[in-house]
Amino acid sequence: MVPAIQRVLWYGVATTSALLFLILHQRADLPVMMQVTILSSIGVVTALGLSAAKLPRLDRRGAAAAAPSLLTARAYRHLPRDLPAPATMRKELGVLLRAADGRRDPTALHEPETRAAVRSRVFGRILHTWRAETVEQLDDRQLQALWQLRELIAADPCRAGELAQRFRKPDVVLAIRDRVLEIDARRQRFERQRAAFRATRMAWKQTAPGKGDTLVDALRALTAPDPDLWHKVIAEHDLADPEQARAALWCARQPGCERASVALYLSRIAEAGRIPIALRNGETEWLGGLCSVIRGWNAGRYTGQALGFVPKDADEASRAASALSSQLDTLAEQTGQPRWPDPTDIFATSHGEAPRPRDNWDLRAGRMIAPPRLEHYIEIAPQQAA
C-alpha cells in the first residue's frame, strides 16, 4: 500500500478508536452487554490500526506472514532484559487468550466481564487481524509485542506511560489499558455489591425482627463490607442521638469506607459544631475516634472512590474546612494537647456514582426492617426484577 495512504488510514483508524473510547467513557449508563460489544469493536479497530491498515497474507503453514508490528523498530532493537523466552511467552499468552467467564450468567444478571476475559477479547482481536488463530502461529516479534502489551496493561500509570513509548501508537495502547482497568473496577464493585447483598440477606434470616441490638451491633453482624450502607448511616444519622452518632463514627473508621463518605462525615461534624459539644459533654471516646478518622485520611487509609462527593454550593467546602479548622484550634486550646492536623484536600469535589439505596435499614430502630432487595445492590434483568 502507498505509504501516504497508509498514514491516512492509520490516522483515521486511530482517531475512530479514540472516539469510541470517549463515547463509551461518557456513556456509563450503557448496558454492560452493549459495552462489551463496543469494546470488541475497539479491539478490532485498534488492532487494525496497529497493523498499519494492512492485513497480512497466510503462508503455507497458516501463520501470519510479514505481519506489521505493534512495536517501533527501536523497541525491537532494544528488547527488555527480563523478556521471557519465546516458549514461556507462548505458554502464558495462550493461557491469557483462553480466559473466559465460565460462571457468568448474563441472562440473569447484568454481570460485567472480568479483567481476564476483557483482556483475552482484546488480544484475540489482535490475533484475528494477524490472521492467526492461536499463539502457536505467531512469530517471536509478535509474541514480544503481545507480551509487552500485557505488561503495559498490568503496570502502574507511570510505568505504563514509559512502556507505551515502545509502541507505534502510544495513545491507543494507553486507551486500551484505561478501558480494561475501567471494566475491571466495575467488575470489582459488582462483586463487592453481590457479597454485601448475600451477607445482608443472611443477617436478615438469622436475626429476629425487633431484636434489641444497637445499630453498631447490627452493622458489625454483616460478614461483608457494605460501603453504601455506611454512607447511608453517615448521611442520615441524627448527630444528637448517641447510638446513631456512635454508628456513624464506626462506619467512618472502617478502612473500606469511601472517601466521599468520610468527607461527608467530617463536613457534617464541622457544620454542626460537634467537636465543642463533645468537649462540653466529656465524650473522650468519640473524640479519640474522630482523631483516628482524620489521621487515617491524611495517612491515605481511605482509597475507595466509587462514590462522589459534591458540596451543596461553591462556598460549602470553604465553610466546612474553616469551621473544622477553628474547632480543632479550640480543641487544642481547651485540652492542652497538640493540635490535630487538618485533613488535607478533604472537601474538594470528587466525581463518582450515587450510593445505592439501603431503604430496608431504620437508623432510629437500629436494625433492618425488611429483607434486602437484589436490585438495590446490582443490576438485574427486567424479568428477574419483576
Protein backbone atom coordinates (compact mmCIF):
# COMPACT_ATOMS: atom_id res chain seq x y z
CA MET A 1 0.00 0.00 0.00
CA VAL A 2 1.23 3.51 -0.78
CA PRO A 3 2.84 4.95 2.39
CA ALA A 4 0.82 8.18 2.21
CA ILE A 5 -2.44 6.22 2.06
CA GLN A 6 -1.26 4.03 4.93
CA ARG A 7 -0.69 7.12 7.06
CA VAL A 8 -4.16 8.48 6.28
CA LEU A 9 -5.79 5.16 7.12
CA TRP A 10 -3.67 4.90 10.25
CA TYR A 11 -4.81 8.30 11.47
CA GLY A 12 -8.45 7.59 10.67
CA VAL A 13 -8.47 4.24 12.41
CA ALA A 14 -6.64 5.53 15.47
CA THR A 15 -8.94 8.54 15.90
CA THR A 16 -12.00 6.36 15.39
CA SER A 17 -10.74 4.09 18.15
CA ALA A 18 -10.14 7.03 20.47
CA LEU A 19 -13.61 8.37 19.70
CA LEU A 20 -15.18 5.04 20.57
CA PHE A 21 -13.34 5.05 23.90
CA LEU A 22 -14.53 8.59 24.57
CA ILE A 23 -18.15 7.77 23.79
CA LEU A 24 -18.07 4.69 25.99
CA HIS A 25 -16.45 6.61 28.82
CA GLN A 26 -19.11 9.32 28.68
CA ARG A 27 -21.96 6.83 28.48
CA ALA A 28 -21.54 4.89 31.70
CA ASP A 29 -25.29 4.13 31.62
CA LEU A 30 -25.00 1.87 28.60
CA PRO A 31 -25.97 -1.75 29.23
CA VAL A 32 -22.98 -3.92 30.02
CA MET A 33 -23.53 -6.20 27.05
CA MET A 34 -23.51 -3.15 24.75
CA GLN A 35 -20.27 -2.02 26.39
CA VAL A 36 -18.77 -5.41 25.64
CA THR A 37 -19.87 -5.14 22.01
CA ILE A 38 -18.30 -1.69 21.70
CA LEU A 39 -15.15 -2.93 23.40
CA SER A 40 -14.93 -5.71 20.84
CA SER A 41 -15.20 -3.15 18.07
CA ILE A 42 -12.48 -1.12 19.72
CA GLY A 43 -10.27 -4.19 19.80
CA VAL A 44 -10.78 -4.78 16.10
CA VAL A 45 -10.28 -1.16 15.11
CA THR A 46 -7.26 -0.72 17.33
CA ALA A 47 -5.61 -3.88 16.10
CA LEU A 48 -6.26 -2.88 12.51
CA GLY A 49 -4.69 0.49 13.19
CA LEU A 50 -1.70 -1.05 14.87
CA SER A 51 -1.18 -3.27 11.84
CA ALA A 52 -0.98 -0.14 9.66
CA ALA A 53 -4.31 -0.83 7.98
CA LYS A 54 -2.85 -3.74 6.09
CA LEU A 55 -3.97 -7.35 6.56
CA PRO A 56 -1.22 -9.97 6.24
CA ARG A 57 -1.38 -12.98 4.00
CA LEU A 58 -1.05 -16.55 5.25
CA ASP A 59 1.94 -18.68 4.43
CA ARG A 60 1.72 -22.42 3.74
CA ARG A 61 1.80 -23.27 7.44
CA GLY A 62 -1.16 -20.98 8.16
CA ALA A 63 0.93 -18.49 10.13
CA ALA A 64 0.80 -14.76 9.63
CA ALA A 65 3.40 -13.78 7.05
CA ALA A 66 5.03 -10.35 7.06
CA ALA A 67 2.53 -9.08 9.65
CA PRO A 68 3.15 -5.43 10.56
CA SER A 69 4.44 -4.97 14.09
CA LEU A 70 2.86 -3.25 17.09
CA LEU A 71 6.19 -2.00 18.42
CA THR A 72 8.55 0.55 16.97
CA ALA A 73 11.69 -0.59 15.19
CA ARG A 74 13.78 0.83 18.01
CA ALA A 75 11.81 -1.19 20.58
CA TYR A 76 12.69 -4.37 18.75
CA ARG A 77 16.37 -3.40 18.72
CA HIS A 78 16.34 -2.77 22.48
CA LEU A 79 14.20 -5.51 23.98
CA PRO A 80 13.77 -5.59 27.78
CA ARG A 81 16.38 -7.71 29.55
CA ASP A 82 13.73 -9.56 31.54
CA LEU A 83 11.76 -10.60 28.46
CA PRO A 84 10.99 -14.34 28.82
CA ALA A 85 11.96 -16.96 26.27
CA PRO A 86 9.52 -17.40 23.34
CA ALA A 87 8.32 -20.74 24.74
CA THR A 88 7.41 -19.11 28.06
CA MET A 89 5.63 -16.21 26.39
CA ARG A 90 3.74 -18.55 24.10
CA LYS A 91 2.59 -20.66 27.06
CA GLU A 92 1.46 -17.75 29.27
CA LEU A 93 -0.15 -15.80 26.44
CA GLY A 94 -2.01 -18.96 25.49
CA VAL A 95 -3.45 -19.13 29.00
CA LEU A 96 -4.40 -15.46 28.79
CA LEU A 97 -6.21 -15.93 25.49
CA ARG A 98 -8.20 -18.88 26.83
CA ALA A 99 -9.56 -16.85 29.75
CA ALA A 100 -13.34 -16.89 29.90
CA ASP A 101 -16.11 -16.08 32.34
CA GLY A 102 -17.23 -19.60 32.99
CA ARG A 103 -19.56 -18.54 35.82
CA ARG A 104 -21.11 -15.53 34.10
CA ASP A 105 -24.83 -15.73 33.52
CA PRO A 106 -25.72 -12.60 31.51
CA THR A 107 -29.35 -13.75 31.20
CA ALA A 108 -29.84 -13.42 34.98
CA LEU A 109 -27.59 -10.52 35.94
CA HIS A 110 -26.02 -7.60 34.13
CA GLU A 111 -22.72 -9.08 35.19
CA PRO A 112 -19.63 -7.23 33.95
CA GLU A 113 -16.85 -9.17 32.31
CA THR A 114 -13.77 -9.97 34.33
CA ARG A 115 -10.48 -8.25 33.63
CA ALA A 116 -9.06 -11.52 32.32
CA ALA A 117 -11.93 -12.02 29.88
CA VAL A 118 -11.75 -8.45 28.54
CA ARG A 119 -8.00 -8.71 28.06
CA SER A 120 -8.47 -12.05 26.31
CA ARG A 121 -11.03 -10.48 23.99
CA VAL A 122 -8.72 -7.60 23.04
CA PHE A 123 -5.76 -9.90 22.42
CA GLY A 124 -7.92 -12.28 20.44
CA ARG A 125 -8.93 -9.47 18.10
CA ILE A 126 -5.30 -8.58 17.55
CA LEU A 127 -4.57 -12.19 16.62
CA HIS A 128 -7.52 -12.09 14.26
CA THR A 129 -6.06 -9.15 12.35
CA TRP A 130 -2.81 -11.10 12.08
CA ARG A 131 -4.78 -13.99 10.55
CA ALA A 132 -3.65 -16.22 13.41
CA GLU A 133 -5.94 -18.47 15.42
CA THR A 134 -3.53 -19.44 18.20
CA VAL A 135 -0.28 -18.17 19.70
CA GLU A 136 1.45 -21.15 18.13
CA GLN A 137 1.12 -19.35 14.79
CA LEU A 138 2.85 -16.18 15.99
CA ASP A 139 6.48 -15.40 15.34
CA ASP A 140 8.88 -14.12 18.02
CA ARG A 141 8.30 -10.45 17.21
CA GLN A 142 4.55 -10.80 17.58
CA LEU A 143 4.98 -12.66 20.86
CA GLN A 144 7.24 -9.90 22.12
CA ALA A 145 4.70 -7.24 21.18
CA LEU A 146 1.77 -9.01 22.84
CA TRP A 147 3.83 -9.72 25.94
CA GLN A 148 4.75 -6.07 26.32
CA LEU A 149 1.11 -5.04 25.80
CA ARG A 150 0.23 -7.45 28.60
CA GLU A 151 2.86 -5.83 30.82
CA LEU A 152 1.60 -2.34 29.96
CA ILE A 153 -2.00 -3.18 30.93
CA ALA A 154 -0.85 -4.51 34.31
CA ALA A 155 1.61 -1.69 35.06
CA ASP A 156 1.07 1.33 37.29
CA PRO A 157 0.33 4.62 35.47
CA CYS A 158 3.92 5.88 35.46
CA ARG A 159 5.37 2.61 34.23
CA ALA A 160 2.57 2.23 31.66
CA GLY A 161 3.45 5.63 30.22
CA GLU A 162 7.06 4.53 29.79
CA LEU A 163 6.11 1.22 28.19
CA ALA A 164 3.70 2.94 25.80
CA GLN A 165 6.61 4.72 24.13
CA ARG A 166 7.72 1.35 22.77
CA PHE A 167 4.55 1.11 20.68
CA ARG A 168 3.86 2.77 17.36
CA LYS A 169 0.68 4.40 18.75
CA PRO A 170 1.21 5.07 22.49
CA ASP A 171 -2.14 6.84 22.91
CA VAL A 172 -4.06 3.88 21.55
CA VAL A 173 -2.45 1.25 23.79
CA LEU A 174 -2.87 3.50 26.82
CA ALA A 175 -6.55 3.89 25.92
CA ILE A 176 -6.85 0.10 25.81
CA ARG A 177 -5.26 -0.12 29.27
CA ASP A 178 -7.58 2.54 30.68
CA ARG A 179 -10.66 0.79 29.34
CA VAL A 180 -9.60 -2.62 30.67
CA LEU A 181 -8.99 -1.09 34.11
CA GLU A 182 -12.35 0.70 33.99
CA ILE A 183 -14.20 -2.54 33.30
CA ASP A 184 -12.14 -4.27 35.99
CA ALA A 185 -13.19 -1.61 38.52
CA ARG A 186 -16.82 -2.09 37.52
CA ARG A 187 -16.45 -5.85 37.97
CA GLN A 188 -14.89 -5.45 41.41
CA ARG A 189 -17.71 -3.15 42.52
CA PHE A 190 -20.21 -5.71 41.24
CA GLU A 191 -18.56 -8.45 43.28
CA ARG A 192 -18.50 -6.28 46.41
CA GLN A 193 -22.18 -5.43 45.99
CA ARG A 194 -23.07 -9.08 45.48
CA ALA A 195 -21.14 -10.06 48.60
CA ALA A 196 -22.87 -7.29 50.58
CA PHE A 197 -26.28 -8.49 49.41
CA ARG A 198 -25.58 -12.08 50.42
CA ALA A 199 -24.27 -11.03 53.81
CA THR A 200 -27.29 -8.78 54.43
CA ARG A 201 -29.72 -11.49 53.37
CA MET A 202 -28.03 -13.93 55.74
CA ALA A 203 -28.18 -11.41 58.60
CA TRP A 204 -31.88 -10.80 57.94
CA LYS A 205 -32.62 -14.54 58.10
CA GLN A 206 -30.60 -15.06 61.27
CA THR A 207 -31.81 -12.03 63.23
CA ALA A 208 -35.36 -11.93 64.51
CA PRO A 209 -37.13 -8.66 63.59
CA GLY A 210 -37.47 -6.45 66.64
CA LYS A 211 -34.42 -7.83 68.41
CA GLY A 212 -32.94 -5.10 70.61
CA ASP A 213 -29.35 -4.86 69.34
CA THR A 214 -27.78 -1.46 68.74
CA LEU A 215 -27.15 -0.11 65.26
CA VAL A 216 -23.41 -0.72 65.66
CA ASP A 217 -24.12 -4.33 66.63
CA ALA A 218 -26.28 -4.76 63.53
CA LEU A 219 -23.58 -3.28 61.30
CA ARG A 220 -20.89 -5.45 62.83
CA ALA A 221 -23.01 -8.55 62.28
CA LEU A 222 -22.66 -8.26 58.50
CA THR A 223 -19.99 -10.63 57.22
CA ALA A 224 -19.09 -8.49 54.20
CA PRO A 225 -18.33 -4.75 53.93
CA ASP A 226 -21.15 -2.54 52.68
CA PRO A 227 -19.81 0.98 51.92
CA ASP A 228 -23.19 2.06 50.53
CA LEU A 229 -24.84 1.24 53.85
CA TRP A 230 -22.07 3.04 55.73
CA HIS A 231 -22.67 6.07 53.51
CA LYS A 232 -26.38 6.00 54.38
CA VAL A 233 -25.60 5.92 58.10
CA ILE A 234 -23.17 8.83 57.75
CA ALA A 235 -25.51 10.88 55.57
CA GLU A 236 -28.74 10.33 57.52
CA HIS A 237 -27.75 9.78 61.16
CA ASP A 238 -29.01 12.10 63.88
CA LEU A 239 -25.91 13.73 65.33
CA ALA A 240 -27.74 14.31 68.62
CA ASP A 241 -28.62 10.62 69.03
CA PRO A 242 -25.71 8.90 70.87
CA GLU A 243 -26.31 5.48 69.30
CA GLN A 244 -26.59 6.84 65.77
CA ALA A 245 -23.54 9.06 66.30
CA ARG A 246 -21.56 6.06 67.52
CA ALA A 247 -22.65 4.06 64.47
CA ALA A 248 -21.67 6.87 62.06
CA LEU A 249 -18.23 7.11 63.65
CA TRP A 250 -17.86 3.33 63.43
CA CYS A 251 -18.67 3.50 59.70
CA ALA A 252 -16.22 6.36 59.10
CA ARG A 253 -13.44 4.40 60.82
CA GLN A 254 -13.76 1.38 58.52
CA PRO A 255 -10.80 1.15 56.08
CA GLY A 256 -13.24 0.29 53.28
CA CYS A 257 -15.31 3.43 53.85
CA GLU A 258 -15.50 5.55 50.70
CA ARG A 259 -13.52 8.79 50.57
CA ALA A 260 -16.75 10.63 49.72
CA SER A 261 -18.39 9.19 52.84
CA VAL A 262 -15.53 10.32 55.09
CA ALA A 263 -15.63 13.79 53.52
CA LEU A 264 -19.38 13.98 54.12
CA TYR A 265 -18.93 12.82 57.71
CA LEU A 266 -16.38 15.49 58.57
CA SER A 267 -18.43 18.09 56.71
CA ARG A 268 -21.47 17.31 58.87
CA ILE A 269 -19.33 17.27 62.01
CA ALA A 270 -17.94 20.72 61.19
CA GLU A 271 -21.29 22.19 60.20
CA ALA A 272 -22.93 21.05 63.45
CA GLY A 273 -20.10 22.27 65.68
CA ARG A 274 -19.88 18.74 67.04
CA ILE A 275 -16.35 18.97 68.47
CA PRO A 276 -17.10 21.74 71.05
CA ILE A 277 -20.24 19.82 72.07
CA ALA A 278 -18.19 16.68 72.63
CA LEU A 279 -15.73 18.69 74.72
CA ARG A 280 -18.50 20.02 76.96
CA ASN A 281 -20.02 16.57 77.36
CA GLY A 282 -16.72 14.85 78.04
CA GLU A 283 -17.05 12.49 75.08
CA THR A 284 -13.40 11.44 75.08
CA GLU A 285 -14.04 8.14 73.32
CA TRP A 286 -15.86 9.84 70.45
CA LEU A 287 -13.10 12.46 70.15
CA GLY A 288 -10.46 9.73 70.04
CA GLY A 289 -12.35 8.02 67.22
CA LEU A 290 -12.64 11.29 65.33
CA CYS A 291 -8.90 11.82 65.64
CA SER A 292 -8.38 8.35 64.17
CA VAL A 293 -10.54 9.26 61.17
CA ILE A 294 -8.62 12.48 60.47
CA ARG A 295 -5.21 10.87 60.87
CA GLY A 296 -6.34 7.93 58.75
CA TRP A 297 -7.39 10.30 55.98
CA ASN A 298 -4.02 12.05 55.97
CA ALA A 299 -2.24 8.68 56.03
CA GLY A 300 -4.07 7.51 52.90
CA ARG A 301 -6.16 4.85 54.65
CA TYR A 302 -9.25 5.58 52.58
CA THR A 303 -8.85 4.62 48.93
CA GLY A 304 -12.40 3.94 47.71
CA GLN A 305 -13.51 6.38 45.01
CA ALA A 306 -16.63 4.72 43.65
CA LEU A 307 -18.94 7.29 45.26
CA GLY A 308 -18.85 11.01 44.60
CA PHE A 309 -18.77 13.99 46.96
CA VAL A 310 -20.29 17.24 45.74
CA PRO A 311 -20.72 20.20 48.14
CA LYS A 312 -24.16 21.80 48.15
CA ASP A 313 -22.78 25.07 46.83
CA ALA A 314 -19.49 26.69 45.87
CA ASP A 315 -18.86 28.05 49.36
CA GLU A 316 -19.78 24.95 51.36
CA ALA A 317 -16.35 23.33 51.08
CA SER A 318 -14.64 26.52 52.21
CA ARG A 319 -17.03 26.93 55.15
CA ALA A 320 -16.61 23.31 56.22
CA ALA A 321 -12.82 23.50 56.07
CA SER A 322 -12.78 26.78 58.02
CA ALA A 323 -15.23 25.52 60.66
CA LEU A 324 -13.35 22.27 61.19
CA SER A 325 -10.01 24.06 61.48
CA SER A 326 -11.45 26.51 64.02
CA GLN A 327 -12.90 23.68 66.10
CA LEU A 328 -9.57 21.85 66.07
CA ASP A 329 -7.95 25.05 67.36
CA THR A 330 -10.49 25.19 70.19
CA LEU A 331 -9.92 21.52 70.98
CA ALA A 332 -6.17 22.04 71.32
CA GLU A 333 -6.59 25.16 73.46
CA GLN A 334 -9.03 23.58 75.90
CA THR A 335 -7.29 20.22 76.28
CA GLY A 336 -3.71 21.46 76.21
CA GLN A 337 -2.90 18.65 73.78
CA PRO A 338 -1.02 19.06 70.48
CA ARG A 339 -3.31 20.29 67.75
CA TRP A 340 -4.61 17.65 65.38
CA PRO A 341 -3.64 18.14 61.74
CA ASP A 342 -6.27 19.41 59.34
CA PRO A 343 -7.45 16.76 56.87
CA THR A 344 -5.84 17.64 53.54
CA ASP A 345 -7.99 18.33 50.47
CA ILE A 346 -10.94 16.53 52.02
CA PHE A 347 -13.78 18.81 50.96
CA ALA A 348 -12.87 19.02 47.27
CA THR A 349 -15.49 17.88 44.78
CA SER A 350 -14.99 14.29 43.65
CA HIS A 351 -17.00 12.58 40.94
CA GLY A 352 -18.42 9.10 41.25
CA GLU A 353 -21.62 7.11 41.40
CA ALA A 354 -24.54 7.85 43.69
CA PRO A 355 -24.81 5.45 46.63
CA ARG A 356 -27.16 2.54 46.11
CA PRO A 357 -30.30 2.54 48.28
CA ARG A 358 -30.40 0.78 51.63
CA ASP A 359 -34.01 1.64 52.44
CA ASN A 360 -34.55 -1.56 54.42
CA TRP A 361 -32.50 -0.11 57.29
CA ASP A 362 -34.09 2.01 60.01
CA LEU A 363 -31.38 4.03 61.76
CA ARG A 364 -33.60 5.07 64.64
CA ALA A 365 -34.62 1.47 65.32
CA GLY A 366 -31.04 0.37 64.82
CA ARG A 367 -31.83 -2.58 62.56
CA MET A 368 -33.24 -3.82 59.29
CA ILE A 369 -37.00 -3.62 58.99
CA ALA A 370 -37.27 -5.52 55.69
CA PRO A 371 -35.17 -8.01 53.73
CA PRO A 372 -32.65 -6.64 51.22
CA ARG A 373 -33.70 -6.27 47.59
CA LEU A 374 -31.29 -7.55 44.96
CA GLU A 375 -31.93 -4.62 42.61
CA HIS A 376 -30.68 -2.25 45.31
CA TYR A 377 -27.28 -3.90 45.09
CA ILE A 378 -26.73 -4.95 41.48
CA GLU A 379 -28.45 -4.57 38.14
CA ILE A 380 -30.71 -7.46 37.27
CA ALA A 381 -32.56 -8.40 34.11
CA PRO A 382 -36.11 -7.00 33.81
CA GLN A 383 -37.73 -10.43 34.10
CA GLN A 384 -35.80 -11.03 37.33
CA ALA A 385 -36.78 -7.66 38.80
CA ALA A 386 -40.49 -8.13 38.12
